[in-house]
Amino acid sequence: MAILESGKDTNQEHQRLMRTLITGASGFLGSHVARVLAQRTKKIRVLVRPTSELRFIKDLPVEFVYGDLRDPASLMKALDGVKQVFHVAADYRLWSRNPGELYDNNVAGTRNLIDASREAGVERFVYTSTVGTIAVPGSPLPNETTKAVPAGMIGHYKKSKFMAEQEVLSAAAKGFPAVVVNPTAPVGPGDWKPTPTGRIILDFLNRRMPAYVDTGLNVVAVEDVAEGHYLAAQHGRIGQRYILGARNMTLKELLDALARATGQNAPRLRLPYAVTLAAGHLENLLCAITRGEPRIPLEGVRMARHKMFVDCSLATRELGFRPTDVEAALERAARWYIENGYVSGGL
């Protein structure tokens, strides 16, 4: 066996051999995190529910354990012998008939996992938050120092993630070994539900986007975000947030990039925000009557009122995070949707 030449190498070897628990591994981002960790570490355990979709991780050398973030007893069982946790799971919905479910899953579930991890003697806890707790209206170019309050969060998803992040940061301030990562808008293959960003790509591919609004977001390859989780476990400072993002893009720029990748025409008509908001209100009213789920959640419309651009440089400086080409990631996402039957009639 080679002699380790530095403390850094020793730390990496120690983490490679630690038993690791991943939550949310059946989801879009979580499956990519699980794949990265499976290449770098041993003894990986993933927490799943009996109803979880496992087809994207069933080929990985991981141990499956059944449990629920709302069930502390199941978490203690899942954490037996675990020293490293990647808490990727989240209830990611911009619309819910029962918003309380988002707080049960995202806030209470995170609190339960922190308590169980502390009791289990976990040595590293990486929490997946969201850029939505940082990119709030009124900040010129938000970064990890941007202060936000629940009142500034648009919608129950962002509020619940903000509250969950505060649980993690509060625990870290008391010595719990937690690091927070704040992904921006990951894109790439495997977004099977899809996420709201994936829905934009899919609507474009299915020609359901005749117009666009003047908004923007930071886009990043999902594979890079997964790598950023590993780097945060290796190099992140306890109690620190790290934005994992790549390129600030207007929605028009994103659609133009998809057009270049697919040969499909991008929409040219820009809708005023007021028209989009009115359409959202009308559809949500109809869905309230029919008990259906709106395609245009009001939370998403309200978020689109400001561009969610951010400064991602801290992760580059402290973690060595090096995001790759975003347009290539958009092309991979489009190809995956086409190859997996999400696009009507192909292109």
Protein backbone atom coordinates (compact mmCIF):
# COMPACT_ATOMS: atom_id res chain seq x y z
CA MET A 1 0.00 0.00 0.00
CA ALA A 2 1.38 3.42 -0.96
CA ILE A 3 2.43 5.72 1.88
CA LEU A 4 0.16 8.77 2.09
CA GLU A 5 2.26 11.89 1.59
CA SER A 6 0.13 14.59 3.18
CA GLY A 7 -2.62 15.32 5.66
CA LYS A 8 -4.90 16.05 2.72
CA ASP A 9 -4.31 12.57 1.30
CA THR A 10 -4.92 11.06 4.74
CA ASN A 11 -8.23 12.90 5.03
CA GLN A 12 -9.33 11.76 1.58
CA GLU A 13 -8.46 8.16 2.37
CA HIS A 14 -10.32 8.38 5.68
CA GLN A 15 -13.42 9.73 3.97
CA ARG A 16 -13.17 7.13 1.21
CA LEU A 17 -13.39 4.36 3.80
CA MET A 18 -16.15 5.91 5.94
CA ARG A 19 -19.64 4.46 5.67
CA THR A 20 -21.74 7.06 3.88
CA LEU A 21 -25.51 7.65 3.90
CA ILE A 22 -27.22 9.48 1.04
CA THR A 23 -30.81 10.72 1.21
CA GLY A 24 -32.68 11.56 -1.98
CA ALA A 25 -30.54 9.26 -4.13
CA SER A 26 -33.52 8.26 -6.24
CA GLY A 27 -34.06 11.86 -7.40
CA PHE A 28 -32.43 13.79 -10.22
CA LEU A 29 -29.56 15.42 -8.35
CA GLY A 30 -29.33 12.68 -5.73
CA SER A 31 -28.78 9.96 -8.32
CA HIS A 32 -25.83 11.91 -9.74
CA VAL A 33 -24.41 12.46 -6.24
CA ALA A 34 -24.72 8.73 -5.58
CA ARG A 35 -22.92 7.96 -8.84
CA VAL A 36 -20.03 10.31 -8.05
CA LEU A 37 -19.65 8.92 -4.54
CA ALA A 38 -19.80 5.34 -5.78
CA GLN A 39 -16.72 6.12 -7.86
CA ARG A 40 -14.84 7.69 -4.94
CA THR A 41 -15.93 5.96 -1.77
CA LYS A 42 -16.86 2.59 -0.34
CA LYS A 43 -19.68 1.46 1.96
CA ILE A 44 -22.45 3.62 0.54
CA ARG A 45 -25.95 3.32 1.94
CA VAL A 46 -28.97 5.09 0.45
CA LEU A 47 -32.17 5.90 2.31
CA VAL A 48 -35.24 5.15 0.20
CA ARG A 49 -38.96 4.70 0.65
CA PRO A 50 -40.84 1.59 -0.53
CA THR A 51 -42.34 3.75 -3.31
CA SER A 52 -39.03 5.28 -4.46
CA GLU A 53 -38.08 5.04 -8.13
CA LEU A 54 -34.79 3.11 -8.13
CA ARG A 55 -34.15 2.50 -11.82
CA PHE A 56 -31.44 5.15 -12.10
CA ILE A 57 -29.36 3.86 -9.17
CA LYS A 58 -30.10 0.11 -9.15
CA ASP A 59 -26.82 -0.58 -10.97
CA LEU A 60 -24.70 1.15 -8.30
CA PRO A 61 -22.76 -0.77 -5.61
CA VAL A 62 -24.84 0.63 -2.76
CA GLU A 63 -26.84 -0.74 0.14
CA PHE A 64 -30.53 0.17 0.21
CA VAL A 65 -32.19 0.87 3.54
CA TYR A 66 -35.87 1.74 3.87
CA GLY A 67 -36.94 4.65 6.01
CA ASP A 68 -38.48 8.10 6.11
CA LEU A 69 -37.14 11.47 7.23
CA ARG A 70 -40.31 11.89 9.28
CA ASP A 71 -39.61 8.64 11.18
CA PRO A 72 -36.68 9.14 13.62
CA ALA A 73 -36.48 5.42 14.46
CA SER A 74 -35.89 4.52 10.82
CA LEU A 75 -33.16 7.16 10.62
CA MET A 76 -31.27 5.70 13.56
CA LYS A 77 -31.30 2.33 11.83
CA ALA A 78 -30.10 3.86 8.57
CA LEU A 79 -27.28 5.71 10.38
CA ASP A 80 -25.89 2.67 12.14
CA GLY A 81 -22.13 2.79 11.56
CA VAL A 82 -22.40 5.86 9.29
CA LYS A 83 -19.82 8.65 9.61
CA GLN A 84 -20.65 10.77 6.55
CA VAL A 85 -24.09 12.00 5.42
CA PHE A 86 -25.17 13.68 2.18
CA HIS A 87 -28.68 15.01 2.78
CA VAL A 88 -29.89 15.63 -0.77
CA ALA A 89 -33.56 14.72 -0.31
CA ALA A 90 -36.12 17.49 -0.64
CA ASP A 91 -39.77 17.92 -1.37
CA TYR A 92 -39.26 20.06 -4.48
CA ARG A 93 -42.64 21.35 -5.64
CA LEU A 94 -43.71 24.86 -6.59
CA TRP A 95 -47.33 23.85 -6.07
CA SER A 96 -48.95 21.60 -3.49
CA ARG A 97 -52.53 21.02 -2.46
CA ASN A 98 -51.22 20.66 1.10
CA PRO A 99 -48.24 23.02 1.63
CA GLY A 100 -47.72 21.62 5.14
CA GLU A 101 -46.19 18.53 3.53
CA LEU A 102 -43.25 20.63 2.32
CA TYR A 103 -42.49 21.78 5.86
CA ASP A 104 -42.88 18.25 7.26
CA ASN A 105 -40.46 16.83 4.71
CA ASN A 106 -37.98 19.67 4.32
CA VAL A 107 -37.85 21.24 7.79
CA ALA A 108 -38.92 18.60 10.30
CA GLY A 109 -37.25 15.87 8.22
CA THR A 110 -33.94 17.75 8.21
CA ARG A 111 -34.18 18.40 11.94
CA ASN A 112 -34.80 14.69 12.55
CA LEU A 113 -31.79 13.73 10.44
CA ILE A 114 -29.53 16.21 12.24
CA ASP A 115 -30.60 14.87 15.64
CA ALA A 116 -30.10 11.25 14.57
CA SER A 117 -26.74 12.05 12.93
CA ARG A 118 -25.51 13.80 16.06
CA GLU A 119 -26.47 10.79 18.16
CA ALA A 120 -24.80 8.44 15.66
CA GLY A 121 -21.52 10.38 15.83
CA VAL A 122 -21.48 11.50 12.20
CA GLU A 123 -18.22 13.25 11.29
CA ARG A 124 -19.36 15.07 8.13
CA PHE A 125 -22.81 16.27 7.08
CA VAL A 126 -23.33 17.89 3.66
CA TYR A 127 -26.74 19.51 3.30
CA THR A 128 -28.20 20.30 -0.12
CA SER A 129 -30.03 23.61 0.12
CA THR A 130 -30.96 25.80 -2.84
CA VAL A 131 -29.82 29.04 -4.42
CA GLY A 132 -33.35 30.23 -3.64
CA THR A 133 -32.26 30.99 -0.07
CA ILE A 134 -29.62 33.38 -1.44
CA ALA A 135 -30.86 34.85 -4.74
CA VAL A 136 -33.52 37.09 -3.25
CA PRO A 137 -34.96 40.31 -4.74
CA GLY A 138 -33.07 43.48 -3.94
CA SER A 139 -29.51 42.12 -4.04
CA PRO A 140 -27.39 43.27 -7.02
CA LEU A 141 -25.42 40.01 -7.34
CA PRO A 142 -26.06 37.79 -4.31
CA ASN A 143 -23.41 35.54 -2.83
CA GLU A 144 -23.01 33.43 0.31
CA THR A 145 -22.95 36.52 2.53
CA THR A 146 -26.39 37.68 1.36
CA LYS A 147 -28.82 37.80 4.26
CA ALA A 148 -32.39 36.72 3.70
CA VAL A 149 -35.47 36.32 5.87
CA PRO A 150 -38.50 34.02 5.45
CA ALA A 151 -40.66 37.01 4.49
CA GLY A 152 -38.42 37.49 1.45
CA MET A 153 -38.91 33.92 0.24
CA ILE A 154 -41.42 33.43 -2.57
CA GLY A 155 -43.58 30.38 -1.98
CA HIS A 156 -43.64 27.47 0.44
CA TYR A 157 -40.81 25.53 -1.21
CA LYS A 158 -38.30 28.35 -0.77
CA LYS A 159 -39.55 29.13 2.73
CA SER A 160 -39.29 25.51 3.81
CA LYS A 161 -35.77 25.19 2.38
CA PHE A 162 -34.74 28.44 4.08
CA MET A 163 -36.02 27.13 7.41
CA ALA A 164 -34.29 23.79 6.89
CA GLU A 165 -31.03 25.55 6.03
CA GLN A 166 -31.31 27.53 9.24
CA GLU A 167 -31.65 24.27 11.18
CA VAL A 168 -28.36 23.08 9.67
CA LEU A 169 -26.50 26.35 10.21
CA SER A 170 -27.76 26.58 13.81
CA ALA A 171 -26.52 23.05 14.49
CA ALA A 172 -23.16 23.86 12.85
CA ALA A 173 -22.78 26.92 15.09
CA LYS A 174 -23.02 24.53 18.05
CA GLY A 175 -20.33 22.23 16.70
CA PHE A 176 -22.23 19.89 14.40
CA PRO A 177 -19.92 19.12 11.41
CA ALA A 178 -22.22 20.42 8.68
CA VAL A 179 -21.50 22.15 5.38
CA VAL A 180 -24.23 23.61 3.14
CA VAL A 181 -24.23 23.58 -0.66
CA ASN A 182 -26.62 25.78 -2.61
CA PRO A 183 -27.09 24.46 -6.17
CA THR A 184 -28.44 26.86 -8.75
CA ALA A 185 -30.44 25.26 -11.61
CA PRO A 186 -28.96 21.85 -12.48
CA VAL A 187 -29.55 20.52 -15.98
CA GLY A 188 -28.55 17.26 -17.62
CA PRO A 189 -29.65 13.68 -18.16
CA GLY A 190 -31.93 11.82 -15.75
CA ASP A 191 -34.34 14.61 -14.74
CA TRP A 192 -37.22 12.18 -14.88
CA LYS A 193 -39.98 13.95 -12.89
CA PRO A 194 -38.93 16.63 -14.16
CA THR A 195 -37.76 19.56 -12.00
CA PRO A 196 -39.10 23.05 -12.85
CA THR A 197 -35.94 23.73 -14.88
CA GLY A 198 -36.31 20.40 -16.65
CA ARG A 199 -39.92 21.34 -17.38
CA ILE A 200 -38.69 24.42 -19.28
CA ILE A 201 -36.46 22.21 -21.43
CA LEU A 202 -39.23 19.67 -21.98
CA ASP A 203 -41.82 22.32 -22.86
CA PHE A 204 -39.39 23.77 -25.39
CA LEU A 205 -38.79 20.34 -26.95
CA ASN A 206 -42.52 19.66 -27.15
CA ARG A 207 -43.16 23.10 -28.68
CA ARG A 208 -45.29 24.22 -25.76
CA MET A 209 -43.37 27.48 -25.32
CA PRO A 210 -44.51 29.96 -27.97
CA ALA A 211 -43.22 32.90 -25.94
CA TYR A 212 -40.88 33.74 -23.07
CA VAL A 213 -40.66 36.18 -20.18
CA ASP A 214 -37.78 38.49 -19.29
CA THR A 215 -36.27 36.52 -16.45
CA GLY A 216 -33.04 34.71 -15.76
CA LEU A 217 -31.34 32.07 -13.68
CA ASN A 218 -27.95 30.55 -13.05
CA VAL A 219 -27.55 27.24 -14.88
CA VAL A 220 -25.08 24.44 -14.11
CA ALA A 221 -24.47 20.87 -15.25
CA VAL A 222 -25.97 18.39 -12.80
CA GLU A 223 -22.81 16.28 -13.00
CA ASP A 224 -20.80 19.28 -11.80
CA VAL A 225 -23.17 19.88 -8.88
CA ALA A 226 -22.71 16.24 -7.85
CA GLU A 227 -18.94 16.71 -7.97
CA GLY A 228 -19.37 19.87 -5.90
CA HIS A 229 -20.99 17.81 -3.14
CA TYR A 230 -17.93 15.58 -2.98
CA LEU A 231 -15.63 18.62 -2.90
CA ALA A 232 -17.68 20.18 -0.10
CA ALA A 233 -17.21 17.04 1.99
CA GLN A 234 -13.48 17.15 1.32
CA HIS A 235 -12.72 20.85 1.67
CA GLY A 236 -15.78 22.74 2.93
CA ARG A 237 -15.65 24.80 6.11
CA ILE A 238 -18.06 23.84 8.88
CA GLY A 239 -21.07 26.17 8.89
CA GLN A 240 -20.26 27.65 5.47
CA ARG A 241 -22.60 27.87 2.48
CA TYR A 242 -21.28 27.29 -1.04
CA ILE A 243 -23.16 28.22 -4.21
CA LEU A 244 -22.70 25.49 -6.82
CA GLY A 245 -23.45 27.25 -10.07
CA ALA A 246 -21.92 28.10 -13.41
CA ARG A 247 -23.48 30.61 -15.82
CA ASN A 248 -26.00 33.40 -15.35
CA MET A 249 -28.39 33.20 -18.31
CA THR A 250 -31.56 34.99 -19.28
CA LEU A 251 -34.40 32.66 -20.21
CA LYS A 252 -34.01 33.87 -23.80
CA GLU A 253 -30.32 32.87 -23.78
CA LEU A 254 -31.22 29.44 -22.40
CA LEU A 255 -33.85 28.89 -25.10
CA ASP A 256 -31.45 30.08 -27.80
CA ALA A 257 -28.87 27.56 -26.51
CA LEU A 258 -31.48 24.79 -26.72
CA ALA A 259 -32.29 25.91 -30.26
CA ARG A 260 -28.63 25.58 -31.26
CA ALA A 261 -28.42 22.14 -29.65
CA THR A 262 -31.56 20.76 -31.27
CA GLY A 263 -32.05 22.72 -34.49
CA GLN A 264 -35.48 23.77 -33.25
CA ASN A 265 -36.59 27.40 -33.43
CA ALA A 266 -36.55 29.42 -30.21
CA PRO A 267 -39.59 31.58 -29.38
CA ARG A 268 -39.27 35.24 -30.40
CA LEU A 269 -42.28 36.71 -28.62
CA ARG A 270 -41.61 38.19 -25.18
CA LEU A 271 -44.59 38.29 -22.85
CA PRO A 272 -44.96 41.12 -20.32
CA TYR A 273 -44.83 39.88 -16.74
CA ALA A 274 -48.40 41.11 -16.09
CA VAL A 275 -49.76 38.87 -18.87
CA THR A 276 -47.96 35.84 -17.48
CA LEU A 277 -49.21 36.58 -13.97
CA ALA A 278 -52.77 36.94 -15.19
CA ALA A 279 -52.52 33.64 -17.09
CA GLY A 280 -51.16 31.98 -13.97
CA HIS A 281 -54.01 33.29 -11.83
CA LEU A 282 -56.59 32.11 -14.35
CA GLU A 283 -55.12 28.62 -14.65
CA ASN A 284 -54.77 28.26 -10.88
CA LEU A 285 -58.39 29.31 -10.45
CA LEU A 286 -59.53 26.69 -12.95
CA CYS A 287 -57.38 24.03 -11.27
CA ALA A 288 -58.89 24.91 -7.90
CA ILE A 289 -62.29 24.10 -9.42
CA THR A 290 -61.22 20.93 -11.24
CA ARG A 291 -58.83 19.75 -8.49
CA GLY A 292 -56.06 19.51 -11.07
CA GLU A 293 -52.42 20.56 -10.87
CA PRO A 294 -51.53 23.84 -12.62
CA ARG A 295 -48.89 23.82 -15.34
CA ILE A 296 -48.09 27.44 -14.41
CA PRO A 297 -47.73 27.52 -10.60
CA LEU A 298 -48.10 31.04 -9.26
CA GLU A 299 -44.94 30.60 -7.19
CA GLY A 300 -43.00 30.00 -10.39
CA VAL A 301 -44.51 33.07 -12.03
CA ARG A 302 -43.68 35.25 -9.03
CA MET A 303 -40.11 33.93 -8.97
CA ALA A 304 -39.74 34.92 -12.61
CA ARG A 305 -40.23 38.58 -11.72
CA HIS A 306 -36.52 38.93 -10.92
CA LYS A 307 -33.41 37.36 -12.38
CA MET A 308 -31.83 34.82 -10.02
CA PHE A 309 -28.25 35.68 -10.94
CA VAL A 310 -25.52 34.95 -8.37
CA ASP A 311 -21.78 35.14 -7.75
CA CYS A 312 -20.44 31.55 -7.64
CA SER A 313 -16.77 32.36 -7.05
CA LEU A 314 -16.45 31.17 -3.43
CA ALA A 315 -16.86 27.50 -4.36
CA THR A 316 -14.17 27.93 -7.00
CA ARG A 317 -11.75 29.49 -4.53
CA GLU A 318 -12.33 27.25 -1.53
CA LEU A 319 -13.52 23.94 -2.95
CA GLY A 320 -11.74 23.84 -6.29
CA PHE A 321 -15.15 23.68 -8.02
CA ARG A 322 -14.70 23.91 -11.80
CA PRO A 323 -18.03 23.84 -13.67
CA THR A 324 -18.04 22.67 -17.28
CA ASP A 325 -19.85 23.99 -20.35
CA VAL A 326 -23.54 24.70 -19.67
CA GLU A 327 -24.64 24.47 -23.30
CA ALA A 328 -23.23 20.94 -23.50
CA ALA A 329 -25.26 20.07 -20.38
CA LEU A 330 -28.43 21.47 -21.98
CA GLU A 331 -27.74 19.34 -25.04
CA ARG A 332 -27.31 16.23 -22.85
CA ALA A 333 -30.61 17.00 -21.13
CA ALA A 334 -32.44 17.42 -24.43
CA ARG A 335 -30.96 14.22 -25.83
CA TRP A 336 -31.97 12.29 -22.70
CA TYR A 337 -35.59 13.47 -22.94
CA ILE A 338 -35.74 12.55 -26.62
CA GLU A 339 -34.16 9.12 -26.12
CA ASN A 340 -36.45 8.32 -23.18
CA GLY A 341 -39.73 9.10 -24.90
CA TYR A 342 -40.58 12.45 -23.29
CA VAL A 343 -40.80 14.29 -26.62
CA SER A 344 -43.86 13.80 -28.81
CA GLY A 345 -42.85 12.68 -32.27
CA GLY A 346 -39.15 13.37 -31.72
CA LEU A 347 -37.57 16.43 -33.32
